[in-house]
Amino acid sequence: MRDVASMLRSLDYAAHSALLGQIPGVVPRKEVAVAVRTWAEAWSRWVGALYRAGYLDTAGRASFLPASDR
């Protein structure tokens, strides 16, 4: 599960990398930061949910998964 958490964190970082000035050639602009942050958060949640769903679908009822969704 640590690898899954790491992947989710990587997706979140990728979504926010423009805001952090981590993309070569992209200069963060304060006037669009709120809009970019909103889209980054939405994209991160959406892609993370798809990743988790695909992972759980593939893993099925594997013994390394918790017995409960909680």
Protein backbone atom coordinates (compact mmCIF):
# COMPACT_ATOMS: atom_id res chain seq x y z
CA MET A 1 0.00 0.00 0.00
CA ARG A 2 3.00 2.27 0.46
CA ASP A 3 3.63 2.12 -3.31
CA VAL A 4 0.01 3.09 -3.99
CA ALA A 5 0.29 6.05 -1.61
CA SER A 6 3.55 7.09 -3.28
CA MET A 7 1.93 6.97 -6.72
CA LEU A 8 -0.99 9.09 -5.52
CA ARG A 9 1.45 11.62 -4.09
CA SER A 10 3.37 11.67 -7.38
CA LEU A 11 0.18 12.35 -9.31
CA ASP A 12 -0.66 15.20 -6.92
CA TYR A 13 2.84 16.63 -7.28
CA ALA A 14 2.61 16.43 -11.06
CA ALA A 15 -0.71 18.27 -10.98
CA HIS A 16 0.75 21.10 -8.89
CA SER A 17 4.20 21.29 -10.51
CA ALA A 18 3.26 24.30 -12.67
CA LEU A 19 2.31 26.25 -9.57
CA LEU A 20 5.65 25.39 -8.02
CA GLY A 21 7.62 26.52 -11.06
CA GLN A 22 8.90 22.99 -11.69
CA ILE A 23 8.12 22.80 -15.43
CA PRO A 24 10.86 24.13 -17.71
CA GLY A 25 9.63 27.11 -19.70
CA VAL A 26 6.52 27.64 -17.55
CA VAL A 27 6.53 30.72 -15.37
CA PRO A 28 3.85 30.72 -12.65
CA ARG A 29 1.65 33.82 -12.83
CA LYS A 30 -0.09 35.01 -9.68
CA GLU A 31 -3.18 36.17 -11.58
CA VAL A 32 -4.01 32.62 -12.69
CA ALA A 33 -2.74 30.74 -9.62
CA VAL A 34 -6.22 30.22 -8.13
CA ALA A 35 -7.62 28.81 -11.37
CA VAL A 36 -4.59 26.57 -11.92
CA ARG A 37 -4.73 25.34 -8.31
CA THR A 38 -8.45 24.55 -8.68
CA TRP A 39 -7.83 22.52 -11.85
CA ALA A 40 -4.76 20.83 -10.35
CA GLU A 41 -6.73 19.70 -7.31
CA ALA A 42 -9.65 18.45 -9.42
CA TRP A 43 -7.31 16.60 -11.81
CA SER A 44 -5.37 15.07 -8.93
CA ARG A 45 -8.55 13.79 -7.23
CA TRP A 46 -9.98 12.44 -10.51
CA VAL A 47 -6.81 10.67 -11.64
CA GLY A 48 -6.18 9.39 -8.12
CA ALA A 49 -9.67 7.89 -7.96
CA LEU A 50 -9.17 6.22 -11.35
CA TYR A 51 -5.79 4.86 -10.28
CA ARG A 52 -7.17 3.46 -7.00
CA ALA A 53 -10.15 1.91 -8.77
CA GLY A 54 -7.93 0.26 -11.37
CA TYR A 55 -5.50 -0.96 -8.74
CA LEU A 56 -8.24 -2.46 -6.58
CA ASP A 57 -9.96 -3.99 -9.60
CA THR A 58 -6.72 -5.65 -10.67
CA ALA A 59 -5.76 -6.77 -7.16
CA GLY A 60 -9.20 -8.19 -6.45
CA ARG A 61 -9.31 -9.80 -3.01
CA ALA A 62 -5.55 -10.23 -2.68
CA SER A 63 -4.28 -11.06 0.79
CA PHE A 64 -2.12 -7.91 0.96
CA LEU A 65 -5.21 -5.68 0.84
CA PRO A 66 -7.12 -4.73 3.98
CA ALA A 67 -10.29 -6.76 4.52
CA SER A 68 -12.38 -3.60 4.84
CA ASP A 69 -12.64 -0.53 2.59
CA ARG A 70 -12.38 1.61 5.71
